[in-house]
Amino acid sequence: MDKLDLIMKVFPFLEKELIAELSDVSGLLNLKSGQSILEDGDYIKSFPMVISGSLRVLRLSEDGSELLLYYLDQGEICAMALTCCMGLQKSNIRMIAEEDSVLLSVPVDKPEKWLSEYRSWKEFMMYSYKKRFDELLETIDSIAFTKLDERLIRFFEERYRSTGKTEFPGTHQDIALQLNTSREVISRLLRNLEKRRLVVTERNSVDYSALVKK
């Protein structure tokens, strides 16, 4: 399937003229799982639109700790990246491929220009802002009001909803970084979940299929 057909399939709600322009000015970018497309402090060189796969959007603290904000899935864009793009500001997020992904790479001057030219693009932007804002509120609520064991369960549930996968390919430390806590705490919580037969832990993986399919 060529680029134009891919855009029409994933973003069928955009005007035909916009789809044609997207195809003309953009490129296709293939990311391997774990590969970063954007780092904290980078200037955004191109605006990403997800054709397939899933991306993880993180916030970094001064000491390098990570906090998972949300996932980007097929047909989605990052409102925070759009804000930096339009304001010509440095990125305040990190964006990593959760799995092998294909992105549409759009020149940074186009998103703002299209706001006044295409109604469907403006509506898409407003929808994306609202969705990301709601997800950020959920993240804030989970940090402020939710116990860490419930946050860990939500972490697996959100990953399953985003990727459809029931295994986390990483260490306890990797999970701890994303939840901004310690490895020891995550290991203890995972042991408790394992006793309840909701997860199965291995050296470098966690199978949470029982948790998400209970």
Protein backbone atom coordinates (compact mmCIF):
# COMPACT_ATOMS: atom_id res chain seq x y z
CA MET A 1 0.00 0.00 0.00
CA ASP A 2 1.50 3.36 -1.00
CA LYS A 3 1.64 6.44 1.22
CA LEU A 4 -1.51 8.09 -0.15
CA ASP A 5 -3.55 4.94 0.40
CA LEU A 6 -2.19 4.60 3.95
CA ILE A 7 -3.20 8.16 4.80
CA MET A 8 -6.67 7.67 3.35
CA LYS A 9 -7.09 4.45 5.35
CA VAL A 10 -5.90 5.81 8.71
CA PHE A 11 -7.24 9.38 8.43
CA PRO A 12 -10.38 9.01 6.26
CA PHE A 13 -12.10 11.95 7.98
CA LEU A 14 -9.66 14.51 6.52
CA GLU A 15 -10.58 16.44 3.36
CA LYS A 16 -9.32 14.94 0.11
CA GLU A 17 -7.28 18.07 -0.57
CA LEU A 18 -5.59 17.80 2.81
CA ILE A 19 -4.89 14.10 2.31
CA ALA A 20 -3.27 14.90 -1.02
CA GLU A 21 -1.13 17.63 0.54
CA LEU A 22 -0.17 15.36 3.44
CA SER A 23 1.00 12.77 0.96
CA ASP A 24 3.04 15.35 -0.96
CA VAL A 25 4.86 17.00 1.96
CA SER A 26 5.32 14.15 4.45
CA GLY A 27 7.59 11.17 4.73
CA LEU A 28 7.19 7.71 6.27
CA LEU A 29 9.31 6.92 9.30
CA ASN A 30 9.81 3.36 10.60
CA LEU A 31 10.65 2.96 14.28
CA LYS A 32 11.81 -0.16 16.08
CA SER A 33 10.44 -0.99 19.52
CA GLY A 34 12.29 1.06 22.13
CA GLN A 35 13.57 3.62 19.62
CA SER A 36 13.18 7.26 20.60
CA ILE A 37 11.78 9.81 18.17
CA LEU A 38 11.87 12.82 20.49
CA GLU A 39 13.88 13.67 23.60
CA ASP A 40 13.33 16.25 26.31
CA GLY A 41 14.99 19.52 25.23
CA ASP A 42 14.97 18.73 21.49
CA TYR A 43 13.57 21.13 18.95
CA ILE A 44 10.86 19.32 17.02
CA LYS A 45 12.09 18.87 13.46
CA SER A 46 8.92 17.17 12.18
CA PHE A 47 5.42 16.54 13.47
CA PRO A 48 4.51 12.83 13.94
CA MET A 49 1.19 11.20 13.01
CA VAL A 50 0.84 7.51 13.89
CA ILE A 51 0.12 5.23 10.91
CA SER A 52 0.60 1.98 12.84
CA GLY A 53 2.03 0.77 16.13
CA SER A 54 2.12 2.62 19.43
CA LEU A 55 4.25 5.33 21.05
CA ARG A 56 4.81 6.06 24.72
CA VAL A 57 4.90 9.72 25.79
CA LEU A 58 6.90 10.45 28.96
CA ARG A 59 7.78 13.39 31.16
CA LEU A 60 11.28 13.51 32.67
CA SER A 61 12.24 14.95 36.06
CA GLU A 62 15.51 16.73 36.78
CA ASP A 63 17.01 13.52 38.20
CA GLY A 64 16.07 11.54 35.08
CA SER A 65 13.00 9.79 36.48
CA GLU A 66 10.25 9.09 33.96
CA LEU A 67 6.50 9.49 34.28
CA LEU A 68 4.22 7.88 31.71
CA LEU A 69 1.71 10.46 30.43
CA TYR A 70 -0.16 8.53 27.73
CA TYR A 71 0.13 6.30 24.68
CA LEU A 72 -0.29 7.33 21.05
CA ASP A 73 -1.94 4.73 18.84
CA GLN A 74 -2.87 4.40 15.17
CA GLY A 75 -4.59 7.51 13.81
CA GLU A 76 -3.47 9.74 16.69
CA ILE A 77 -1.21 12.77 17.12
CA CYS A 78 0.55 14.27 20.13
CA ALA A 79 -1.05 17.54 21.25
CA MET A 80 1.99 18.40 23.39
CA ALA A 81 4.29 17.99 20.39
CA LEU A 82 1.91 20.16 18.36
CA THR A 83 2.13 22.92 20.98
CA CYS A 84 5.94 22.90 20.86
CA CYS A 85 5.79 22.74 17.08
CA MET A 86 3.57 25.79 16.71
CA GLY A 87 5.42 27.78 19.37
CA LEU A 88 8.87 26.87 18.02
CA GLN A 89 9.76 25.70 21.53
CA LYS A 90 11.96 22.92 22.82
CA SER A 91 10.25 19.64 23.62
CA ASN A 92 9.28 19.00 27.26
CA ILE A 93 8.44 15.35 26.65
CA ARG A 94 10.11 12.13 25.53
CA MET A 95 8.52 9.94 22.87
CA ILE A 96 9.48 6.27 22.46
CA ALA A 97 8.12 3.47 20.28
CA GLU A 98 6.31 0.95 22.49
CA GLU A 99 6.37 -1.48 19.56
CA ASP A 100 7.51 -1.41 15.94
CA SER A 101 5.70 1.60 14.49
CA VAL A 102 5.24 3.58 11.30
CA LEU A 103 4.83 7.35 11.49
CA LEU A 104 3.93 10.08 9.07
CA SER A 105 6.60 12.77 9.43
CA VAL A 106 5.10 16.21 8.67
CA PRO A 107 7.11 19.46 8.26
CA VAL A 108 6.73 21.60 11.40
CA ASP A 109 5.29 24.61 9.56
CA LYS A 110 2.27 22.72 8.22
CA PRO A 111 0.06 21.98 11.29
CA GLU A 112 -0.49 25.66 12.14
CA LYS A 113 -1.04 26.59 8.49
CA TRP A 114 -3.68 23.87 8.06
CA LEU A 115 -5.69 25.17 11.02
CA SER A 116 -6.99 28.06 8.93
CA GLU A 117 -7.25 26.10 5.68
CA TYR A 118 -8.99 22.83 6.58
CA ARG A 119 -11.96 22.44 8.89
CA SER A 120 -11.32 18.73 9.40
CA TRP A 121 -7.77 19.45 10.60
CA LYS A 122 -9.00 22.04 13.10
CA GLU A 123 -11.60 19.60 14.45
CA PHE A 124 -8.96 16.85 14.62
CA MET A 125 -6.67 19.18 16.61
CA MET A 126 -9.43 20.13 19.07
CA TYR A 127 -10.41 16.48 19.55
CA SER A 128 -6.76 15.53 20.15
CA TYR A 129 -6.24 18.34 22.67
CA LYS A 130 -9.31 17.25 24.63
CA LYS A 131 -8.35 13.58 24.63
CA ARG A 132 -4.80 14.29 25.78
CA PHE A 133 -6.04 16.76 28.42
CA ASP A 134 -8.44 14.13 29.80
CA GLU A 135 -5.63 11.56 29.90
CA LEU A 136 -3.34 13.99 31.71
CA LEU A 137 -6.07 14.61 34.29
CA GLU A 138 -6.34 10.84 34.79
CA THR A 139 -2.56 10.67 35.29
CA ILE A 140 -2.66 13.48 37.85
CA ASP A 141 -5.58 11.83 39.64
CA SER A 142 -3.79 8.49 39.76
CA ILE A 143 -0.68 10.09 41.29
CA ALA A 144 -2.59 12.21 43.78
CA PHE A 145 -5.42 9.93 44.79
CA THR A 146 -4.64 6.34 43.79
CA LYS A 147 -2.58 3.82 45.71
CA LEU A 148 0.52 2.55 43.95
CA ASP A 149 -0.79 -1.01 43.63
CA GLU A 150 -3.83 0.35 41.77
CA ARG A 151 -1.55 2.50 39.58
CA LEU A 152 0.45 -0.61 38.68
CA ILE A 153 -2.72 -2.45 37.65
CA ARG A 154 -3.82 0.59 35.63
CA PHE A 155 -0.37 0.67 33.98
CA PHE A 156 -0.87 -2.88 32.66
CA GLU A 157 -4.49 -2.21 31.68
CA GLU A 158 -3.56 0.93 29.73
CA ARG A 159 -0.74 -0.89 27.96
CA TYR A 160 -3.12 -3.69 26.98
CA ARG A 161 -5.71 -1.21 25.66
CA SER A 162 -3.04 0.59 23.64
CA THR A 163 -1.07 -2.34 22.21
CA GLY A 164 -3.22 -5.44 22.73
CA LYS A 165 -0.20 -7.13 24.30
CA THR A 166 -0.35 -9.06 27.56
CA GLU A 167 3.36 -9.22 28.31
CA PHE A 168 5.70 -6.44 29.40
CA PRO A 169 9.19 -7.09 27.96
CA GLY A 170 11.33 -5.43 30.59
CA THR A 171 12.61 -5.47 34.14
CA HIS A 172 11.02 -4.35 37.39
CA GLN A 173 13.30 -1.31 37.19
CA ASP A 174 11.82 -0.39 33.79
CA ILE A 175 8.32 -0.38 35.28
CA ALA A 176 9.54 1.58 38.31
CA LEU A 177 10.98 4.29 36.07
CA GLN A 178 7.70 4.72 34.22
CA LEU A 179 5.71 4.91 37.47
CA ASN A 180 8.33 7.13 39.13
CA THR A 181 8.96 4.85 42.09
CA SER A 182 11.61 2.36 43.23
CA ARG A 183 12.38 -1.11 41.91
CA GLU A 184 11.94 -2.58 45.39
CA VAL A 185 8.38 -1.26 45.64
CA ILE A 186 7.45 -2.60 42.18
CA SER A 187 8.97 -5.99 42.98
CA ARG A 188 6.92 -6.19 46.18
CA LEU A 189 3.70 -5.21 44.40
CA LEU A 190 4.35 -7.71 41.60
CA ARG A 191 4.87 -10.47 44.16
CA ASN A 192 1.49 -9.61 45.66
CA LEU A 193 -0.17 -9.71 42.23
CA GLU A 194 1.56 -13.01 41.51
CA LYS A 195 0.17 -14.49 44.73
CA ARG A 196 -3.28 -13.47 43.49
CA ARG A 197 -2.46 -15.22 40.18
CA LEU A 198 -2.94 -11.98 38.21
CA VAL A 199 0.62 -11.85 36.82
CA VAL A 200 3.51 -14.20 36.11
CA THR A 201 6.96 -12.66 36.51
CA GLU A 202 10.12 -13.83 34.77
CA ARG A 203 13.62 -12.40 34.82
CA ASN A 204 12.97 -9.84 32.08
CA SER A 205 9.23 -9.96 31.51
CA VAL A 206 5.85 -9.78 33.20
CA ASP A 207 2.89 -11.71 31.83
CA TYR A 208 -0.29 -9.85 32.90
CA SER A 209 -2.79 -11.71 30.69
CA ALA A 210 -4.74 -13.01 33.70
CA LEU A 211 -5.09 -9.45 35.03
CA VAL A 212 -6.50 -7.87 31.88
CA LYS A 213 -8.71 -10.82 30.94
CA LYS A 214 -10.18 -11.58 34.35
